Amino acid sequence: MQLDAFTDKRMKILYTLSFMRGGMAQVWVANDTSAVLNNTSSFGTLVEILALIKRTTHMQLHTLRMTLGMTAEEYMASF
């Protein structure tokens, strides 16, 4: 399904959030989904939420380091 098929900006955001699963993303998505449904979300558009995700990802990758005692498998799982 293409995002252009949605006429409501809230539905675009909810559709996008539905693909984010597991780990910390799951908690964040649950909270933001509730906020979107309650009309209390700080995101006005899909572009805003995607920009936040991109910034967050860049920051996390920038700070990712292999630490002493960490196995290659643990490091790759963090990546």
PDB file of N, CA and C in Angstrom:
ATOM      1  N   MET A   1       0.846  -1.176   0.000  1.00  0.00           N
ATOM      2  CA  MET A   1       0.000   0.000   0.000  1.00  0.00           C
ATOM      3  C   MET A   1       0.890   1.238   0.000  1.00  0.00           C
ATOM      4  N   GLN A   2       0.527   2.223  -0.756  1.00  0.00           N
ATOM      5  CA  GLN A   2       1.293   3.449  -0.845  1.00  0.00           C
ATOM      6  C   GLN A   2       0.723   4.495   0.100  1.00  0.00           C
ATOM      7  N   LEU A   3       1.638   5.308   0.653  1.00  0.00           N
ATOM      8  CA  LEU A   3       1.198   6.336   1.588  1.00  0.00           C
ATOM      9  C   LEU A   3       0.269   7.354   0.935  1.00  0.00           C
ATOM     10  N   ASP A   4       0.367   7.516  -0.364  1.00  0.00           N
ATOM     11  CA  ASP A   4      -0.518   8.459  -1.053  1.00  0.00           C
ATOM     12  C   ASP A   4      -1.974   8.008  -1.011  1.00  0.00           C
ATOM     13  N   ALA A   5      -2.209   6.750  -0.681  1.00  0.00           N
ATOM     14  CA  ALA A   5      -3.574   6.234  -0.613  1.00  0.00           C
ATOM     15  C   ALA A   5      -4.327   6.781   0.593  1.00  0.00           C
ATOM     16  N   PHE A   6      -3.596   7.316   1.576  1.00  0.00           N
ATOM     17  CA  PHE A   6      -4.223   7.856   2.782  1.00  0.00           C
ATOM     18  C   PHE A   6      -4.476   9.344   2.606  1.00  0.00           C
ATOM     19  N   THR A   7      -5.672   9.764   2.904  1.00  0.00           N
ATOM     20  CA  THR A   7      -5.987  11.189   2.808  1.00  0.00           C
ATOM     21  C   THR A   7      -5.795  11.893   4.140  1.00  0.00           C
ATOM     22  N   ASP A   8      -5.830  11.146   5.232  1.00  0.00           N
ATOM     23  CA  ASP A   8      -5.708  11.690   6.578  1.00  0.00           C
ATOM     24  C   ASP A   8      -4.256  11.555   7.048  1.00  0.00           C
ATOM     25  N   LYS A   9      -3.638  12.658   7.483  1.00  0.00           N
ATOM     26  CA  LYS A   9      -2.238  12.613   7.910  1.00  0.00           C
ATOM     27  C   LYS A   9      -2.037  11.708   9.125  1.00  0.00           C
ATOM     28  N   ARG A  10      -3.039  11.607   9.984  1.00  0.00           N
ATOM     29  CA  ARG A  10      -2.932  10.709  11.140  1.00  0.00           C
ATOM     30  C   ARG A  10      -2.824   9.261  10.698  1.00  0.00           C
ATOM     31  N   MET A  11      -3.577   8.890   9.678  1.00  0.00           N
ATOM     32  CA  MET A  11      -3.536   7.516   9.178  1.00  0.00           C
ATOM     33  C   MET A  11      -2.177   7.195   8.565  1.00  0.00           C
ATOM     34  N   LYS A  12      -1.548   8.171   7.910  1.00  0.00           N
ATOM     35  CA  LYS A  12      -0.207   7.969   7.366  1.00  0.00           C
ATOM     36  C   LYS A  12       0.780   7.677   8.487  1.00  0.00           C
ATOM     37  N   ILE A  13       0.681   8.448   9.570  1.00  0.00           N
ATOM     38  CA  ILE A  13       1.577   8.259  10.712  1.00  0.00           C
ATOM     39  C   ILE A  13       1.335   6.896  11.353  1.00  0.00           C
ATOM     40  N   LEU A  14       0.083   6.547  11.576  1.00  0.00           N
ATOM     41  CA  LEU A  14      -0.230   5.254  12.191  1.00  0.00           C
ATOM     42  C   LEU A  14       0.219   4.086  11.317  1.00  0.00           C
ATOM     43  N   TYR A  15       0.051   4.215  10.018  1.00  0.00           N
ATOM     44  CA  TYR A  15       0.484   3.169   9.100  1.00  0.00           C
ATOM     45  C   TYR A  15       1.998   2.985   9.181  1.00  0.00           C
ATOM     46  N   THR A  16       2.726   4.070   9.196  1.00  0.00           N
ATOM     47  CA  THR A  16       4.183   4.012   9.284  1.00  0.00           C
ATOM     48  C   THR A  16       4.620   3.406  10.612  1.00  0.00           C
ATOM     49  N   LEU A  17       4.004   3.821  11.702  1.00  0.00           N
ATOM     50  CA  LEU A  17       4.353   3.293  13.021  1.00  0.00           C
ATOM     51  C   LEU A  17       4.086   1.793  13.124  1.00  0.00           C
ATOM     52  N   SER A  18       3.136   1.303  12.362  1.00  0.00           N
ATOM     53  CA  SER A  18       2.776  -0.120  12.450  1.00  0.00           C
ATOM     54  C   SER A  18       3.912  -1.040  12.009  1.00  0.00           C
ATOM     55  N   PHE A  19       4.891  -0.525  11.288  1.00  0.00           N
ATOM     56  CA  PHE A  19       6.018  -1.338  10.837  1.00  0.00           C
ATOM     57  C   PHE A  19       7.160  -1.403  11.852  1.00  0.00           C
ATOM     58  N   MET A  20       7.096  -0.589  12.871  1.00  0.00           N
ATOM     59  CA  MET A  20       8.173  -0.542  13.868  1.00  0.00           C
ATOM     60  C   MET A  20       7.828  -1.493  15.006  1.00  0.00           C
ATOM     61  N   ARG A  21       8.666  -2.523  15.154  1.00  0.00           N
ATOM     62  CA  ARG A  21       8.398  -3.546  16.171  1.00  0.00           C
ATOM     63  C   ARG A  21       9.694  -3.928  16.875  1.00  0.00           C
ATOM     64  N   GLY A  22       9.541  -4.344  18.121  1.00  0.00           N
ATOM     65  CA  GLY A  22      10.654  -4.907  18.878  1.00  0.00           C
ATOM     66  C   GLY A  22      11.501  -3.875  19.605  1.00  0.00           C
ATOM     67  N   GLY A  23      12.064  -4.304  20.702  1.00  0.00           N
ATOM     68  CA  GLY A  23      13.000  -3.482  21.466  1.00  0.00           C
ATOM     69  C   GLY A  23      12.397  -2.176  21.950  1.00  0.00           C
ATOM     70  N   MET A  24      13.257  -1.179  22.020  1.00  0.00           N
ATOM     71  CA  MET A  24      12.833   0.141  22.486  1.00  0.00           C
ATOM     72  C   MET A  24      11.841   0.790  21.525  1.00  0.00           C
ATOM     73  N   ALA A  25      11.932   0.439  20.260  1.00  0.00           N
ATOM     74  CA  ALA A  25      10.998   1.008  19.282  1.00  0.00           C
ATOM     75  C   ALA A  25       9.566   0.641  19.621  1.00  0.00           C
ATOM     76  N   GLN A  26       9.374  -0.572  20.119  1.00  0.00           N
ATOM     77  CA  GLN A  26       8.027  -1.049  20.455  1.00  0.00           C
ATOM     78  C   GLN A  26       7.376  -0.150  21.514  1.00  0.00           C
ATOM     79  N   VAL A  27       8.141   0.214  22.529  1.00  0.00           N
ATOM     80  CA  VAL A  27       7.619   1.073  23.601  1.00  0.00           C
ATOM     81  C   VAL A  27       7.304   2.460  23.057  1.00  0.00           C
ATOM     82  N   TRP A  28       8.225   3.006  22.285  1.00  0.00           N
ATOM     83  CA  TRP A  28       8.040   4.340  21.723  1.00  0.00           C
ATOM     84  C   TRP A  28       6.826   4.368  20.804  1.00  0.00           C
ATOM     85  N   VAL A  29       6.692   3.346  19.958  1.00  0.00           N
ATOM     86  CA  VAL A  29       5.570   3.277  19.021  1.00  0.00           C
ATOM     87  C   VAL A  29       4.244   3.181  19.764  1.00  0.00           C
ATOM     88  N   ALA A  30       4.210   2.372  20.805  1.00  0.00           N
ATOM     89  CA  ALA A  30       2.962   2.232  21.575  1.00  0.00           C
ATOM     90  C   ALA A  30       2.542   3.575  22.157  1.00  0.00           C
ATOM     91  N   ASN A  31       3.497   4.303  22.715  1.00  0.00           N
ATOM     92  CA  ASN A  31       3.181   5.608  23.302  1.00  0.00           C
ATOM     93  C   ASN A  31       2.745   6.612  22.243  1.00  0.00           C
ATOM     94  N   ASP A  32       3.465   6.642  21.127  1.00  0.00           N
ATOM     95  CA  ASP A  32       3.121   7.631  20.107  1.00  0.00           C
ATOM     96  C   ASP A  32       1.831   7.262  19.382  1.00  0.00           C
ATOM     97  N   THR A  33       1.575   5.981  19.216  1.00  0.00           N
ATOM     98  CA  THR A  33       0.308   5.560  18.609  1.00  0.00           C
ATOM     99  C   THR A  33      -0.866   6.037  19.457  1.00  0.00           C
ATOM    100  N   SER A  34      -0.744   5.872  20.758  1.00  0.00           N
ATOM    101  CA  SER A  34      -1.797   6.358  21.660  1.00  0.00           C
ATOM    102  C   SER A  34      -1.967   7.864  21.540  1.00  0.00           C
ATOM    103  N   ALA A  35      -0.852   8.580  21.458  1.00  0.00           N
ATOM    104  CA  ALA A  35      -0.914  10.038  21.341  1.00  0.00           C
ATOM    105  C   ALA A  35      -1.583  10.456  20.031  1.00  0.00           C
ATOM    106  N   VAL A  36      -1.273   9.764  18.946  1.00  0.00           N
ATOM    107  CA  VAL A  36      -1.897  10.089  17.656  1.00  0.00           C
ATOM    108  C   VAL A  36      -3.400   9.833  17.730  1.00  0.00           C
ATOM    109  N   LEU A  37      -3.781   8.708  18.302  1.00  0.00           N
ATOM    110  CA  LEU A  37      -5.203   8.378  18.403  1.00  0.00           C
ATOM    111  C   LEU A  37      -5.962   9.350  19.309  1.00  0.00           C
ATOM    112  N   ASN A  38      -5.273   9.902  20.308  1.00  0.00           N
ATOM    113  CA  ASN A  38      -5.895  10.855  21.236  1.00  0.00           C
ATOM    114  C   ASN A  38      -5.741  12.304  20.792  1.00  0.00           C
ATOM    115  N   ASN A  39      -5.172  12.506  19.612  1.00  0.00           N
ATOM    116  CA  ASN A  39      -4.913  13.856  19.094  1.00  0.00           C
ATOM    117  C   ASN A  39      -4.007  14.673  20.002  1.00  0.00           C
ATOM    118  N   THR A  40      -3.062  14.021  20.670  1.00  0.00           N
ATOM    119  CA  THR A  40      -2.118  14.729  21.537  1.00  0.00           C
ATOM    120  C   THR A  40      -0.681  14.552  21.067  1.00  0.00           C
ATOM    121  N   SER A  41      -0.481  14.016  19.883  1.00  0.00           N
ATOM    122  CA  SER A  41       0.867  13.777  19.358  1.00  0.00           C
ATOM    123  C   SER A  41       1.541  15.100  19.038  1.00  0.00           C
ATOM    124  N   SER A  42       2.845  15.139  19.275  1.00  0.00           N
ATOM    125  CA  SER A  42       3.613  16.341  18.952  1.00  0.00           C
ATOM    126  C   SER A  42       4.002  16.366  17.478  1.00  0.00           C
ATOM    127  N   PHE A  43       3.698  15.297  16.746  1.00  0.00           N
ATOM    128  CA  PHE A  43       4.022  15.239  15.328  1.00  0.00           C
ATOM    129  C   PHE A  43       2.819  15.680  14.514  1.00  0.00           C
ATOM    130  N   GLY A  44       3.041  16.672  13.680  1.00  0.00           N
ATOM    131  CA  GLY A  44       1.954  17.147  12.849  1.00  0.00           C
ATOM    132  C   GLY A  44       1.863  16.423  11.528  1.00  0.00           C
ATOM    133  N   THR A  45       3.021  15.932  11.061  1.00  0.00           N
ATOM    134  CA  THR A  45       3.039  15.278   9.751  1.00  0.00           C
ATOM    135  C   THR A  45       3.947  14.056   9.786  1.00  0.00           C
ATOM    136  N   LEU A  46       3.812  13.240   8.770  1.00  0.00           N
ATOM    137  CA  LEU A  46       4.664  12.074   8.612  1.00  0.00           C
ATOM    138  C   LEU A  46       6.112  12.502   8.406  1.00  0.00           C
ATOM    139  N   VAL A  47       6.333  13.594   7.697  1.00  0.00           N
ATOM    140  CA  VAL A  47       7.686  14.100   7.454  1.00  0.00           C
ATOM    141  C   VAL A  47       8.381  14.401   8.778  1.00  0.00           C
ATOM    142  N   GLU A  48       7.669  14.985   9.731  1.00  0.00           N
ATOM    143  CA  GLU A  48       8.250  15.305  11.038  1.00  0.00           C
ATOM    144  C   GLU A  48       8.665  14.054  11.793  1.00  0.00           C
ATOM    145  N   ILE A  49       7.828  13.037  11.782  1.00  0.00           N
ATOM    146  CA  ILE A  49       8.153  11.814  12.514  1.00  0.00           C
ATOM    147  C   ILE A  49       9.321  11.081  11.847  1.00  0.00           C
ATOM    148  N   LEU A  50       9.368  11.067  10.527  1.00  0.00           N
ATOM    149  CA  LEU A  50      10.478  10.428   9.822  1.00  0.00           C
ATOM    150  C   LEU A  50      11.788  11.173  10.056  1.00  0.00           C
ATOM    151  N   ALA A  51      11.728  12.495  10.148  1.00  0.00           N
ATOM    152  CA  ALA A  51      12.928  13.284  10.441  1.00  0.00           C
ATOM    153  C   ALA A  51      13.453  12.965  11.836  1.00  0.00           C
ATOM    154  N   LEU A  52      12.560  12.810  12.805  1.00  0.00           N
ATOM    155  CA  LEU A  52      12.977  12.452  14.155  1.00  0.00           C
ATOM    156  C   LEU A  52      13.630  11.073  14.170  1.00  0.00           C
ATOM    157  N   ILE A  53      13.041  10.131  13.476  1.00  0.00           N
ATOM    158  CA  ILE A  53      13.602   8.781  13.415  1.00  0.00           C
ATOM    159  C   ILE A  53      14.997   8.816  12.793  1.00  0.00           C
ATOM    160  N   LYS A  54      15.157   9.587  11.738  1.00  0.00           N
ATOM    161  CA  LYS A  54      16.458   9.704  11.072  1.00  0.00           C
ATOM    162  C   LYS A  54      17.501  10.325  11.995  1.00  0.00           C
ATOM    163  N   ARG A  55      17.145  11.410  12.685  1.00  0.00           N
ATOM    164  CA  ARG A  55      18.076  12.056  13.623  1.00  0.00           C
ATOM    165  C   ARG A  55      18.465  11.108  14.746  1.00  0.00           C
ATOM    166  N   THR A  56      17.484  10.402  15.297  1.00  0.00           N
ATOM    167  CA  THR A  56      17.741   9.471  16.387  1.00  0.00           C
ATOM    168  C   THR A  56      18.680   8.361  15.930  1.00  0.00           C
ATOM    169  N   THR A  57      18.436   7.829  14.755  1.00  0.00           N
ATOM    170  CA  THR A  57      19.281   6.763  14.211  1.00  0.00           C
ATOM    171  C   THR A  57      20.701   7.248  14.007  1.00  0.00           C
ATOM    172  N   HIS A  58      20.865   8.432  13.459  1.00  0.00           N
ATOM    173  CA  HIS A  58      22.207   8.988  13.258  1.00  0.00           C
ATOM    174  C   HIS A  58      22.945   9.142  14.583  1.00  0.00           C
ATOM    175  N   MET A  59      22.256   9.645  15.594  1.00  0.00           N
ATOM    176  CA  MET A  59      22.885   9.827  16.909  1.00  0.00           C
ATOM    177  C   MET A  59      23.288   8.482  17.505  1.00  0.00           C
ATOM    178  N   GLN A  60      22.432   7.486  17.410  1.00  0.00           N
ATOM    179  CA  GLN A  60      22.735   6.175  17.972  1.00  0.00           C
ATOM    180  C   GLN A  60      23.908   5.524  17.256  1.00  0.00           C
ATOM    181  N   LEU A  61      23.965   5.623  15.944  1.00  0.00           N
ATOM    182  CA  LEU A  61      25.084   5.051  15.198  1.00  0.00           C
ATOM    183  C   LEU A  61      26.385   5.792  15.488  1.00  0.00           C
ATOM    184  N   HIS A  62      26.288   7.094  15.677  1.00  0.00           N
ATOM    185  CA  HIS A  62      27.480   7.893  15.973  1.00  0.00           C
ATOM    186  C   HIS A  62      28.094   7.509  17.328  1.00  0.00           C
ATOM    187  N   THR A  63      27.273   7.153  18.289  1.00  0.00           N
ATOM    188  CA  THR A  63      27.770   6.829  19.625  1.00  0.00           C
ATOM    189  C   THR A  63      28.064   5.335  19.804  1.00  0.00           C
ATOM    190  N   LEU A  64      27.725   4.512  18.832  1.00  0.00           N
ATOM    191  CA  LEU A  64      27.927   3.072  18.950  1.00  0.00           C
ATOM    192  C   LEU A  64      29.418   2.739  18.958  1.00  0.00           C
ATOM    193  N   ARG A  65      29.837   2.039  19.975  1.00  0.00           N
ATOM    194  CA  ARG A  65      31.236   1.635  20.114  1.00  0.00           C
ATOM    195  C   ARG A  65      31.290   0.204  20.612  1.00  0.00           C
ATOM    196  N   MET A  66      32.291  -0.516  20.158  1.00  0.00           N
ATOM    197  CA  MET A  66      32.533  -1.854  20.690  1.00  0.00           C
ATOM    198  C   MET A  66      33.328  -1.673  21.966  1.00  0.00           C
ATOM    199  N   THR A  67      32.819  -2.202  23.071  1.00  0.00           N
ATOM    200  CA  THR A  67      33.463  -2.016  24.366  1.00  0.00           C
ATOM    201  C   THR A  67      34.227  -3.268  24.775  1.00  0.00           C
ATOM    202  N   LEU A  68      35.096  -3.090  25.731  1.00  0.00           N
ATOM    203  CA  LEU A  68      35.911  -4.186  26.243  1.00  0.00           C
ATOM    204  C   LEU A  68      35.007  -5.297  26.766  1.00  0.00           C
ATOM    205  N   GLY A  69      35.260  -6.503  26.332  1.00  0.00           N
ATOM    206  CA  GLY A  69      34.466  -7.640  26.764  1.00  0.00           C
ATOM    207  C   GLY A  69      33.263  -7.935  25.882  1.00  0.00           C
ATOM    208  N   MET A  70      32.969  -7.053  24.950  1.00  0.00           N
ATOM    209  CA  MET A  70      31.830  -7.244  24.056  1.00  0.00           C
ATOM    210  C   MET A  70      32.250  -8.172  22.917  1.00  0.00           C
ATOM    211  N   THR A  71      31.411  -9.145  22.611  1.00  0.00           N
ATOM    212  CA  THR A  71      31.701 -10.026  21.494  1.00  0.00           C
ATOM    213  C   THR A  71      31.271  -9.361  20.192  1.00  0.00           C
ATOM    214  N   ALA A  72      31.785  -9.893  19.091  1.00  0.00           N
ATOM    215  CA  ALA A  72      31.406  -9.364  17.783  1.00  0.00           C
ATOM    216  C   ALA A  72      29.903  -9.527  17.556  1.00  0.00           C
ATOM    217  N   GLU A  73      29.350 -10.652  18.044  1.00  0.00           N
ATOM    218  CA  GLU A  73      27.920 -10.881  17.891  1.00  0.00           C
ATOM    219  C   GLU A  73      27.103  -9.848  18.649  1.00  0.00           C
ATOM    220  N   GLU A  74      27.541  -9.510  19.867  1.00  0.00           N
ATOM    221  CA  GLU A  74      26.837  -8.480  20.664  1.00  0.00           C
ATOM    222  C   GLU A  74      26.917  -7.121  19.991  1.00  0.00           C
ATOM    223  N   TYR A  75      28.090  -6.822  19.438  1.00  0.00           N
ATOM    224  CA  TYR A  75      28.264  -5.542  18.753  1.00  0.00           C
ATOM    225  C   TYR A  75      27.344  -5.467  17.526  1.00  0.00           C
ATOM    226  N   MET A  76      27.302  -6.538  16.760  1.00  0.00           N
ATOM    227  CA  MET A  76      26.456  -6.542  15.560  1.00  0.00           C
ATOM    228  C   MET A  76      24.978  -6.478  15.942  1.00  0.00           C
ATOM    229  N   ALA A  77      24.605  -7.089  17.052  1.00  0.00           N
ATOM    230  CA  ALA A  77      23.219  -7.015  17.502  1.00  0.00           C
ATOM    231  C   ALA A  77      22.872  -5.578  17.884  1.00  0.00           C
ATOM    232  N   SER A  78      23.828  -4.859  18.456  1.00  0.00           N
ATOM    233  CA  SER A  78      23.610  -3.455  18.816  1.00  0.00           C
ATOM    234  C   SER A  78      23.495  -2.590  17.572  1.00  0.00           C
ATOM    235  N   PHE A  79      24.223  -2.961  16.544  1.00  0.00           N
ATOM    236  CA  PHE A  79      24.236  -2.200  15.310  1.00  0.00           C
ATOM    237  C   PHE A  79      22.879  -2.281  14.663  1.00  0.00           C
TER     238      PHE A  79
END
